[in-house]
Amino acid sequence: VQMLPILVPVVLNLLQSGSRVQNAPVANTQTNNRNTVLDTFLDANG
């Protein structure tokens, strides 16, 4: 329980790596705005 406040943000930090850089060019498709690392982690195919 004492480690969780460190472990959870570290996991989230790894997941954030797929976020778009602010002001990065974005294609018009919605999927290009998505965080591919988060999508994979959430395991869309189950």
All heavy atoms as atom14 arrays in JSON, in Angstrom:
{
  "sequence": "VQMLPILVPVVLNLLQSGSRVQNAPVANTQTNNRNTVLDTFLDANG",
  "atom14_mask": [
    [1, 1, 1, 1, 1, 1, 1, 0, 0, 0, 0, 0, 0, 0],
    [1, 1, 1, 1, 1, 1, 1, 1, 1, 0, 0, 0, 0, 0],
    [1, 1, 1, 1, 1, 1, 1, 1, 0, 0, 0, 0, 0, 0],
    [1, 1, 1, 1, 1, 1, 1, 1, 0, 0, 0, 0, 0, 0],
    [1, 1, 1, 1, 1, 1, 1, 0, 0, 0, 0, 0, 0, 0],
    [1, 1, 1, 1, 1, 1, 1, 1, 0, 0, 0, 0, 0, 0],
    [1, 1, 1, 1, 1, 1, 1, 1, 0, 0, 0, 0, 0, 0],
    [1, 1, 1, 1, 1, 1, 1, 0, 0, 0, 0, 0, 0, 0],
    [1, 1, 1, 1, 1, 1, 1, 0, 0, 0, 0, 0, 0, 0],
    [1, 1, 1, 1, 1, 1, 1, 0, 0, 0, 0, 0, 0, 0],
    [1, 1, 1, 1, 1, 1, 1, 0, 0, 0, 0, 0, 0, 0],
    [1, 1, 1, 1, 1, 1, 1, 1, 0, 0, 0, 0, 0, 0],
    [1, 1, 1, 1, 1, 1, 1, 1, 0, 0, 0, 0, 0, 0],
    [1, 1, 1, 1, 1, 1, 1, 1, 0, 0, 0, 0, 0, 0],
    [1, 1, 1, 1, 1, 1, 1, 1, 0, 0, 0, 0, 0, 0],
    [1, 1, 1, 1, 1, 1, 1, 1, 1, 0, 0, 0, 0, 0],
    [1, 1, 1, 1, 1, 1, 0, 0, 0, 0, 0, 0, 0, 0],
    [1, 1, 1, 1, 0, 0, 0, 0, 0, 0, 0, 0, 0, 0],
    [1, 1, 1, 1, 1, 1, 0, 0, 0, 0, 0, 0, 0, 0],
    [1, 1, 1, 1, 1, 1, 1, 1, 1, 1, 1, 0, 0, 0],
    [1, 1, 1, 1, 1, 1, 1, 0, 0, 0, 0, 0, 0, 0],
    [1, 1, 1, 1, 1, 1, 1, 1, 1, 0, 0, 0, 0, 0],
    [1, 1, 1, 1, 1, 1, 1, 1, 0, 0, 0, 0, 0, 0],
    [1, 1, 1, 1, 1, 0, 0, 0, 0, 0, 0, 0, 0, 0],
    [1, 1, 1, 1, 1, 1, 1, 0, 0, 0, 0, 0, 0, 0],
    [1, 1, 1, 1, 1, 1, 1, 0, 0, 0, 0, 0, 0, 0],
    [1, 1, 1, 1, 1, 0, 0, 0, 0, 0, 0, 0, 0, 0],
    [1, 1, 1, 1, 1, 1, 1, 1, 0, 0, 0, 0, 0, 0],
    [1, 1, 1, 1, 1, 1, 1, 0, 0, 0, 0, 0, 0, 0],
    [1, 1, 1, 1, 1, 1, 1, 1, 1, 0, 0, 0, 0, 0],
    [1, 1, 1, 1, 1, 1, 1, 0, 0, 0, 0, 0, 0, 0],
    [1, 1, 1, 1, 1, 1, 1, 1, 0, 0, 0, 0, 0, 0],
    [1, 1, 1, 1, 1, 1, 1, 1, 0, 0, 0, 0, 0, 0],
    [1, 1, 1, 1, 1, 1, 1, 1, 1, 1, 1, 0, 0, 0],
    [1, 1, 1, 1, 1, 1, 1, 1, 0, 0, 0, 0, 0, 0],
    [1, 1, 1, 1, 1, 1, 1, 0, 0, 0, 0, 0, 0, 0],
    [1, 1, 1, 1, 1, 1, 1, 0, 0, 0, 0, 0, 0, 0],
    [1, 1, 1, 1, 1, 1, 1, 1, 0, 0, 0, 0, 0, 0],
    [1, 1, 1, 1, 1, 1, 1, 1, 0, 0, 0, 0, 0, 0],
    [1, 1, 1, 1, 1, 1, 1, 0, 0, 0, 0, 0, 0, 0],
    [1, 1, 1, 1, 1, 1, 1, 1, 1, 1, 1, 0, 0, 0],
    [1, 1, 1, 1, 1, 1, 1, 1, 0, 0, 0, 0, 0, 0],
    [1, 1, 1, 1, 1, 1, 1, 1, 0, 0, 0, 0, 0, 0],
    [1, 1, 1, 1, 1, 0, 0, 0, 0, 0, 0, 0, 0, 0],
    [1, 1, 1, 1, 1, 1, 1, 1, 0, 0, 0, 0, 0, 0],
    [1, 1, 1, 1, 0, 0, 0, 0, 0, 0, 0, 0, 0, 0]
  ],
  "atom14_positions": [
    [[0.84, -1.2, 0.0], [0.0, 0.0, 0.0], [0.88, 1.25, 0.0], [0.58, 2.23, -0.69], [-0.99, -0.01, 1.19], [-1.68, 1.34, 1.35], [-2.02, -1.13, 1.02], [0.0, 0.0, 0.0], [0.0, 0.0, 0.0], [0.0, 0.0, 0.0], [0.0, 0.0, 0.0], [0.0, 0.0, 0.0], [0.0, 0.0, 0.0], [0.0, 0.0, 0.0]],
    [[1.99, 1.23, 0.74], [2.91, 2.37, 0.77], [3.57, 2.6, -0.58], [3.9, 3.73, -0.93], [3.99, 2.15, 1.83], [3.5, 2.21, 3.25], [4.6, 1.82, 4.24], [5.76, 1.64, 3.88], [4.22, 1.69, 5.5], [0.0, 0.0, 0.0], [0.0, 0.0, 0.0], [0.0, 0.0, 0.0], [0.0, 0.0, 0.0], [0.0, 0.0, 0.0]],
    [[3.8, 1.53, -1.34], [4.45, 1.65, -2.65], [3.5, 2.12, -3.75], [3.95, 2.67, -4.76], [5.03, 0.29, -3.07], [6.26, -0.11, -2.34], [6.97, -1.55, -3.18], [7.26, -2.64, -1.82], [0.0, 0.0, 0.0], [0.0, 0.0, 0.0], [0.0, 0.0, 0.0], [0.0, 0.0, 0.0], [0.0, 0.0, 0.0], [0.0, 0.0, 0.0]],
    [[2.21, 1.92, -3.57], [1.25, 2.23, -4.64], [1.32, 3.68, -5.13], [1.23, 3.91, -6.34], [-0.17, 1.86, -4.22], [-0.46, 0.37, -4.14], [-1.89, 0.14, -3.65], [-0.22, -0.32, -5.47], [0.0, 0.0, 0.0], [0.0, 0.0, 0.0], [0.0, 0.0, 0.0], [0.0, 0.0, 0.0], [0.0, 0.0, 0.0], [0.0, 0.0, 0.0]],
    [[1.48, 4.68, -4.26], [1.55, 6.05, -4.77], [2.75, 6.31, -5.68], [2.81, 7.34, -6.35], [1.62, 6.91, -3.5], [0.97, 6.08, -2.45], [1.37, 4.67, -2.79], [0.0, 0.0, 0.0], [0.0, 0.0, 0.0], [0.0, 0.0, 0.0], [0.0, 0.0, 0.0], [0.0, 0.0, 0.0], [0.0, 0.0, 0.0], [0.0, 0.0, 0.0]],
    [[3.71, 5.41, -5.7], [4.83, 5.52, -6.63], [4.59, 4.61, -7.84], [4.79, 5.02, -8.99], [6.16, 5.16, -5.94], [6.43, 6.13, -4.79], [7.32, 5.19, -6.94], [7.57, 5.72, -3.88], [0.0, 0.0, 0.0], [0.0, 0.0, 0.0], [0.0, 0.0, 0.0], [0.0, 0.0, 0.0], [0.0, 0.0, 0.0], [0.0, 0.0, 0.0]],
    [[4.14, 3.39, -7.58], [3.97, 2.42, -8.67], [2.9, 2.83, -9.67], [3.09, 2.7, -10.88], [3.66, 1.03, -8.1], [4.79, 0.35, -7.34], [4.3, -0.94, -6.71], [5.97, 0.09, -8.26], [0.0, 0.0, 0.0], [0.0, 0.0, 0.0], [0.0, 0.0, 0.0], [0.0, 0.0, 0.0], [0.0, 0.0, 0.0], [0.0, 0.0, 0.0]],
    [[1.77, 3.32, -9.19], [0.68, 3.68, -10.1], [1.1, 4.82, -11.03], [0.94, 4.71, -12.26], [-0.63, 3.98, -9.34], [-1.69, 4.57, -10.26], [-1.16, 2.7, -8.67], [0.0, 0.0, 0.0], [0.0, 0.0, 0.0], [0.0, 0.0, 0.0], [0.0, 0.0, 0.0], [0.0, 0.0, 0.0], [0.0, 0.0, 0.0], [0.0, 0.0, 0.0]],
    [[1.68, 5.92, -10.53], [2.13, 6.97, -11.46], [3.2, 6.49, -12.45], [3.24, 6.95, -13.59], [2.69, 8.06, -10.54], [1.96, 7.88, -9.26], [1.78, 6.38, -9.14], [0.0, 0.0, 0.0], [0.0, 0.0, 0.0], [0.0, 0.0, 0.0], [0.0, 0.0, 0.0], [0.0, 0.0, 0.0], [0.0, 0.0, 0.0], [0.0, 0.0, 0.0]],
    [[4.05, 5.54, -12.02], [5.07, 5.01, -12.93], [4.4, 4.24, -14.08], [4.77, 4.39, -15.24], [6.08, 4.11, -12.17], [6.89, 3.25, -13.12], [7.0, 4.97, -11.34], [0.0, 0.0, 0.0], [0.0, 0.0, 0.0], [0.0, 0.0, 0.0], [0.0, 0.0, 0.0], [0.0, 0.0, 0.0], [0.0, 0.0, 0.0], [0.0, 0.0, 0.0]],
    [[3.4, 3.43, -13.76], [2.66, 2.71, -14.81], [1.99, 3.73, -15.74], [2.07, 3.61, -16.97], [1.61, 1.75, -14.2], [0.7, 1.19, -15.28], [2.3, 0.62, -13.44], [0.0, 0.0, 0.0], [0.0, 0.0, 0.0], [0.0, 0.0, 0.0], [0.0, 0.0, 0.0], [0.0, 0.0, 0.0], [0.0, 0.0, 0.0], [0.0, 0.0, 0.0]],
    [[1.36, 4.74, -15.16], [0.7, 5.77, -15.97], [1.72, 6.54, -16.81], [1.43, 6.92, -17.96], [-0.09, 6.73, -15.08], [-1.24, 6.1, -14.29], [-1.88, 7.13, -13.37], [-2.27, 5.46, -15.21], [0.0, 0.0, 0.0], [0.0, 0.0, 0.0], [0.0, 0.0, 0.0], [0.0, 0.0, 0.0], [0.0, 0.0, 0.0], [0.0, 0.0, 0.0]],
    [[2.92, 6.75, -16.29], [3.98, 7.43, -17.04], [4.35, 6.63, -18.28], [4.55, 7.19, -19.37], [5.2, 7.64, -16.13], [6.21, 8.61, -16.69], [6.04, 9.18, -17.75], [7.3, 8.77, -15.98], [0.0, 0.0, 0.0], [0.0, 0.0, 0.0], [0.0, 0.0, 0.0], [0.0, 0.0, 0.0], [0.0, 0.0, 0.0], [0.0, 0.0, 0.0]],
    [[4.46, 5.33, -18.12], [4.76, 4.48, -19.26], [3.64, 4.58, -20.3], [3.89, 4.66, -21.5], [4.96, 3.04, -18.81], [5.56, 2.09, -19.83], [6.97, 2.53, -20.22], [5.6, 0.68, -19.28], [0.0, 0.0, 0.0], [0.0, 0.0, 0.0], [0.0, 0.0, 0.0], [0.0, 0.0, 0.0], [0.0, 0.0, 0.0], [0.0, 0.0, 0.0]],
    [[2.4, 4.61, -19.83], [1.25, 4.69, -20.74], [1.17, 6.05, -21.42], [0.72, 6.15, -22.56], [-0.05, 4.42, -19.98], [-0.14, 3.05, -19.33], [-1.44, 2.92, -18.56], [-0.01, 1.94, -20.37], [0.0, 0.0, 0.0], [0.0, 0.0, 0.0], [0.0, 0.0, 0.0], [0.0, 0.0, 0.0], [0.0, 0.0, 0.0], [0.0, 0.0, 0.0]],
    [[1.61, 7.09, -20.74], [1.56, 8.44, -21.32], [2.49, 8.58, -22.51], [2.32, 9.45, -23.35], [1.9, 9.48, -20.26], [1.74, 10.9, -20.76], [2.35, 11.92, -19.83], [3.29, 11.62, -19.1], [1.83, 13.12, -19.87], [0.0, 0.0, 0.0], [0.0, 0.0, 0.0], [0.0, 0.0, 0.0], [0.0, 0.0, 0.0], [0.0, 0.0, 0.0]],
    [[3.46, 7.7, -22.61], [4.46, 7.81, -23.68], [3.83, 7.83, -25.08], [4.42, 8.37, -26.0], [5.49, 6.68, -23.57], [4.89, 5.43, -23.79], [0.0, 0.0, 0.0], [0.0, 0.0, 0.0], [0.0, 0.0, 0.0], [0.0, 0.0, 0.0], [0.0, 0.0, 0.0], [0.0, 0.0, 0.0], [0.0, 0.0, 0.0], [0.0, 0.0, 0.0]],
    [[2.64, 7.3, -25.22], [1.99, 7.31, -26.53], [1.14, 8.53, -26.79], [0.53, 8.65, -27.85], [0.0, 0.0, 0.0], [0.0, 0.0, 0.0], [0.0, 0.0, 0.0], [0.0, 0.0, 0.0], [0.0, 0.0, 0.0], [0.0, 0.0, 0.0], [0.0, 0.0, 0.0], [0.0, 0.0, 0.0], [0.0, 0.0, 0.0], [0.0, 0.0, 0.0]],
    [[1.09, 9.46, -25.84], [0.3, 10.68, -26.02], [0.94, 11.57, -27.08], [2.15, 11.56, -27.27], [0.23, 11.48, -24.7], [-0.46, 10.76, -23.74], [0.0, 0.0, 0.0], [0.0, 0.0, 0.0], [0.0, 0.0, 0.0], [0.0, 0.0, 0.0], [0.0, 0.0, 0.0], [0.0, 0.0, 0.0], [0.0, 0.0, 0.0], [0.0, 0.0, 0.0]],
    [[0.11, 12.35, -27.71], [0.6, 13.27, -28.73], [1.32, 14.45, -28.07], [0.92, 14.93, -27.03], [-0.55, 13.79, -29.57], [-1.22, 12.66, -30.34], [-1.96, 13.13, -31.55], [-1.14, 13.63, -32.63], [-0.36, 12.91, -33.42], [-0.23, 11.64, -33.25], [0.31, 13.47, -34.4], [0.0, 0.0, 0.0], [0.0, 0.0, 0.0], [0.0, 0.0, 0.0]],
    [[2.37, 14.9, -28.72], [3.08, 16.1, -28.3], [2.16, 17.28, -28.61], [1.54, 17.33, -29.67], [4.42, 16.24, -29.06], [5.09, 17.56, -28.78], [5.33, 15.07, -28.74], [0.0, 0.0, 0.0], [0.0, 0.0, 0.0], [0.0, 0.0, 0.0], [0.0, 0.0, 0.0], [0.0, 0.0, 0.0], [0.0, 0.0, 0.0], [0.0, 0.0, 0.0]],
    [[2.08, 18.22, -27.67], [1.26, 19.39, -27.91], [1.73, 20.12, -29.16], [2.92, 20.23, -29.41], [1.33, 20.32, -26.71], [-0.01, 20.79, -26.28], [0.06, 21.58, -24.99], [1.12, 21.91, -24.48], [-1.09, 21.89, -24.47], [0.0, 0.0, 0.0], [0.0, 0.0, 0.0], [0.0, 0.0, 0.0], [0.0, 0.0, 0.0], [0.0, 0.0, 0.0]],
    [[0.81, 20.57, -29.97], [1.07, 21.29, -31.22], [1.67, 20.42, -32.31], [2.17, 20.93, -33.3], [1.96, 22.52, -30.99], [1.34, 23.49, -30.03], [0.13, 23.68, -30.02], [2.17, 24.11, -29.2], [0.0, 0.0, 0.0], [0.0, 0.0, 0.0], [0.0, 0.0, 0.0], [0.0, 0.0, 0.0], [0.0, 0.0, 0.0], [0.0, 0.0, 0.0]],
    [[1.66, 19.09, -32.11], [2.12, 18.2, -33.17], [1.07, 18.16, -34.26], [-0.12, 18.24, -33.99], [2.36, 16.8, -32.63], [0.0, 0.0, 0.0], [0.0, 0.0, 0.0], [0.0, 0.0, 0.0], [0.0, 0.0, 0.0], [0.0, 0.0, 0.0], [0.0, 0.0, 0.0], [0.0, 0.0, 0.0], [0.0, 0.0, 0.0], [0.0, 0.0, 0.0]],
    [[1.5, 18.05, -35.52], [0.51, 17.96, -36.59], [-0.35, 16.71, -36.41], [0.14, 15.65, -36.04], [1.35, 17.85, -37.87], [2.78, 17.82, -37.44], [2.85, 17.97, -35.97], [0.0, 0.0, 0.0], [0.0, 0.0, 0.0], [0.0, 0.0, 0.0], [0.0, 0.0, 0.0], [0.0, 0.0, 0.0], [0.0, 0.0, 0.0], [0.0, 0.0, 0.0]],
    [[-1.64, 16.87, -36.63], [-2.59, 15.77, -36.45], [-3.33, 15.56, -37.75], [-3.83, 16.51, -38.35], [-3.59, 16.1, -35.32], [-4.59, 14.98, -35.16], [-2.85, 16.36, -34.03], [0.0, 0.0, 0.0], [0.0, 0.0, 0.0], [0.0, 0.0, 0.0], [0.0, 0.0, 0.0], [0.0, 0.0, 0.0], [0.0, 0.0, 0.0], [0.0, 0.0, 0.0]],
    [[-3.4, 14.31, -38.17], [-4.2, 13.99, -39.35], [-5.67, 14.13, -38.99], [-6.03, 14.19, -37.82], [-3.89, 12.57, -39.81], [0.0, 0.0, 0.0], [0.0, 0.0, 0.0], [0.0, 0.0, 0.0], [0.0, 0.0, 0.0], [0.0, 0.0, 0.0], [0.0, 0.0, 0.0], [0.0, 0.0, 0.0], [0.0, 0.0, 0.0], [0.0, 0.0, 0.0]],
    [[-6.52, 14.14, -39.98], [-7.94, 14.36, -39.73], [-8.67, 13.14, -39.19], [-9.83, 13.23, -38.85], [-8.63, 14.85, -41.02], [-8.2, 16.25, -41.36], [-7.87, 17.02, -40.48], [-8.21, 16.57, -42.64], [0.0, 0.0, 0.0], [0.0, 0.0, 0.0], [0.0, 0.0, 0.0], [0.0, 0.0, 0.0], [0.0, 0.0, 0.0], [0.0, 0.0, 0.0]],
    [[-8.02, 12.0, -39.11], [-8.72, 10.82, -38.61], [-8.64, 10.77, -37.1], [-7.63, 11.11, -36.5], [-8.12, 9.53, -39.2], [-6.77, 9.44, -38.78], [-8.2, 9.52, -40.71], [0.0, 0.0, 0.0], [0.0, 0.0, 0.0], [0.0, 0.0, 0.0], [0.0, 0.0, 0.0], [0.0, 0.0, 0.0], [0.0, 0.0, 0.0], [0.0, 0.0, 0.0]],
    [[-9.71, 10.32, -36.48], [-9.78, 10.28, -35.03], [-8.74, 9.33, -34.45], [-8.22, 9.56, -33.37], [-11.18, 9.87, -34.61], [-11.38, 9.98, -33.12], [-12.83, 10.15, -32.77], [-13.67, 10.3, -33.63], [-13.12, 10.14, -31.5], [0.0, 0.0, 0.0], [0.0, 0.0, 0.0], [0.0, 0.0, 0.0], [0.0, 0.0, 0.0], [0.0, 0.0, 0.0]],
    [[-8.42, 8.25, -35.13], [-7.48, 7.28, -34.58], [-6.09, 7.86, -34.44], [-5.33, 7.42, -33.59], [-7.41, 6.01, -35.44], [-7.05, 6.37, -36.78], [-8.73, 5.27, -35.43], [0.0, 0.0, 0.0], [0.0, 0.0, 0.0], [0.0, 0.0, 0.0], [0.0, 0.0, 0.0], [0.0, 0.0, 0.0], [0.0, 0.0, 0.0], [0.0, 0.0, 0.0]],
    [[-5.73, 8.87, -35.22], [-4.4, 9.47, -35.1], [-4.27, 10.34, -33.86], [-3.18, 10.74, -33.5], [-4.05, 10.28, -36.36], [-3.69, 9.38, -37.51], [-3.34, 8.21, -37.32], [-3.78, 9.9, -38.71], [0.0, 0.0, 0.0], [0.0, 0.0, 0.0], [0.0, 0.0, 0.0], [0.0, 0.0, 0.0], [0.0, 0.0, 0.0], [0.0, 0.0, 0.0]],
    [[-5.38, 10.67, -33.23], [-5.35, 11.44, -31.99], [-5.22, 10.54, -30.77], [-5.07, 11.03, -29.67], [-6.63, 12.28, -31.86], [-6.67, 13.37, -32.9], [-5.66, 13.93, -33.26], [-7.87, 13.66, -33.39], [0.0, 0.0, 0.0], [0.0, 0.0, 0.0], [0.0, 0.0, 0.0], [0.0, 0.0, 0.0], [0.0, 0.0, 0.0], [0.0, 0.0, 0.0]],
    [[-5.31, 9.26, -30.97], [-5.33, 8.32, -29.85], [-3.92, 7.98, -29.39], [-2.97, 8.01, -30.16], [-6.1, 7.07, -30.23], [-7.58, 7.4, -30.47], [-8.36, 6.2, -30.83], [-8.47, 5.26, -29.75], [-9.53, 5.16, -28.95], [-10.55, 5.96, -29.12], [-9.57, 4.25, -28.02], [0.0, 0.0, 0.0], [0.0, 0.0, 0.0], [0.0, 0.0, 0.0]],
    [[-3.82, 7.62, -28.15], [-2.57, 7.18, -27.54], [-2.43, 5.68, -27.82], [-3.12, 4.86, -27.22], [-2.63, 7.48, -26.04], [-1.43, 6.99, -25.29], [-0.75, 6.05, -25.69], [-1.17, 7.62, -24.16], [0.0, 0.0, 0.0], [0.0, 0.0, 0.0], [0.0, 0.0, 0.0], [0.0, 0.0, 0.0], [0.0, 0.0, 0.0], [0.0, 0.0, 0.0]],
    [[-1.54, 5.33, -28.73], [-1.4, 3.93, -29.15], [-0.91, 3.03, -28.01], [-1.27, 1.86, -27.94], [-0.45, 3.81, -30.35], [0.81, 4.42, -30.0], [-1.03, 4.49, -31.58], [0.0, 0.0, 0.0], [0.0, 0.0, 0.0], [0.0, 0.0, 0.0], [0.0, 0.0, 0.0], [0.0, 0.0, 0.0], [0.0, 0.0, 0.0], [0.0, 0.0, 0.0]],
    [[-0.08, 3.58, -27.13], [0.41, 2.79, -25.99], [-0.74, 2.5, -25.04], [-0.92, 1.35, -24.6], [1.57, 3.52, -25.28], [2.01, 2.76, -24.04], [2.75, 3.71, -26.23], [0.0, 0.0, 0.0], [0.0, 0.0, 0.0], [0.0, 0.0, 0.0], [0.0, 0.0, 0.0], [0.0, 0.0, 0.0], [0.0, 0.0, 0.0], [0.0, 0.0, 0.0]],
    [[-1.55, 3.5, -24.74], [-2.71, 3.3, -23.87], [-3.69, 2.32, -24.51], [-4.2, 1.41, -23.84], [-3.4, 4.63, -23.57], [-4.65, 4.56, -22.69], [-4.32, 3.97, -21.31], [-5.27, 5.95, -22.55], [0.0, 0.0, 0.0], [0.0, 0.0, 0.0], [0.0, 0.0, 0.0], [0.0, 0.0, 0.0], [0.0, 0.0, 0.0], [0.0, 0.0, 0.0]],
    [[-3.94, 2.48, -25.81], [-4.85, 1.56, -26.51], [-4.37, 0.12, -26.4], [-5.15, -0.79, -26.12], [-4.96, 1.92, -27.99], [-5.82, 3.15, -28.23], [-6.53, 3.58, -27.3], [-5.76, 3.69, -29.35], [0.0, 0.0, 0.0], [0.0, 0.0, 0.0], [0.0, 0.0, 0.0], [0.0, 0.0, 0.0], [0.0, 0.0, 0.0], [0.0, 0.0, 0.0]],
    [[-3.09, -0.09, -26.6], [-2.53, -1.45, -26.52], [-2.65, -1.97, -25.09], [-3.01, -3.12, -24.87], [-1.07, -1.47, -26.99], [-1.03, -1.04, -28.35], [-0.48, -2.86, -26.88], [0.0, 0.0, 0.0], [0.0, 0.0, 0.0], [0.0, 0.0, 0.0], [0.0, 0.0, 0.0], [0.0, 0.0, 0.0], [0.0, 0.0, 0.0], [0.0, 0.0, 0.0]],
    [[-2.34, -1.12, -24.12], [-2.42, -1.52, -22.72], [-3.84, -1.91, -22.34], [-4.06, -2.9, -21.63], [-1.93, -0.39, -21.82], [-1.92, -0.75, -20.36], [-0.99, -1.65, -19.86], [-2.82, -0.17, -19.48], [-0.97, -1.98, -18.5], [-2.8, -0.49, -18.13], [-1.88, -1.4, -17.65], [0.0, 0.0, 0.0], [0.0, 0.0, 0.0], [0.0, 0.0, 0.0]],
    [[-4.8, -1.14, -22.8], [-6.19, -1.47, -22.49], [-6.66, -2.68, -23.28], [-7.73, -3.19, -23.04], [-7.1, -0.26, -22.75], [-6.84, 0.93, -21.83], [-7.72, 2.11, -22.22], [-7.02, 0.57, -20.38], [0.0, 0.0, 0.0], [0.0, 0.0, 0.0], [0.0, 0.0, 0.0], [0.0, 0.0, 0.0], [0.0, 0.0, 0.0], [0.0, 0.0, 0.0]],
    [[-5.81, -3.13, -24.21], [-5.99, -4.4, -24.91], [-7.36, -4.49, -25.58], [-8.21, -5.27, -25.17], [-5.76, -5.56, -23.94], [-5.5, -6.86, -24.65], [-5.08, -6.86, -25.81], [-5.72, -7.89, -24.02], [0.0, 0.0, 0.0], [0.0, 0.0, 0.0], [0.0, 0.0, 0.0], [0.0, 0.0, 0.0], [0.0, 0.0, 0.0], [0.0, 0.0, 0.0]],
    [[-7.49, -3.7, -26.61], [-8.77, -3.6, -27.3], [-9.34, -4.95, -27.73], [-10.54, -5.14, -27.76], [-8.63, -2.68, -28.51], [0.0, 0.0, 0.0], [0.0, 0.0, 0.0], [0.0, 0.0, 0.0], [0.0, 0.0, 0.0], [0.0, 0.0, 0.0], [0.0, 0.0, 0.0], [0.0, 0.0, 0.0], [0.0, 0.0, 0.0], [0.0, 0.0, 0.0]],
    [[-8.49, -5.93, -28.06], [-9.03, -7.21, -28.5], [-9.33, -8.17, -27.35], [-9.81, -9.27, -27.56], [-8.11, -7.87, -29.54], [-6.79, -8.33, -28.95], [-6.54, -8.21, -27.76], [-5.94, -8.87, -29.8], [0.0, 0.0, 0.0], [0.0, 0.0, 0.0], [0.0, 0.0, 0.0], [0.0, 0.0, 0.0], [0.0, 0.0, 0.0], [0.0, 0.0, 0.0]],
    [[-9.0, -7.77, -26.12], [-9.4, -8.53, -24.95], [-8.67, -9.83, -24.72], [-9.14, -10.66, -23.95], [0.0, 0.0, 0.0], [0.0, 0.0, 0.0], [0.0, 0.0, 0.0], [0.0, 0.0, 0.0], [0.0, 0.0, 0.0], [0.0, 0.0, 0.0], [0.0, 0.0, 0.0], [0.0, 0.0, 0.0], [0.0, 0.0, 0.0], [0.0, 0.0, 0.0]]
  ]
}
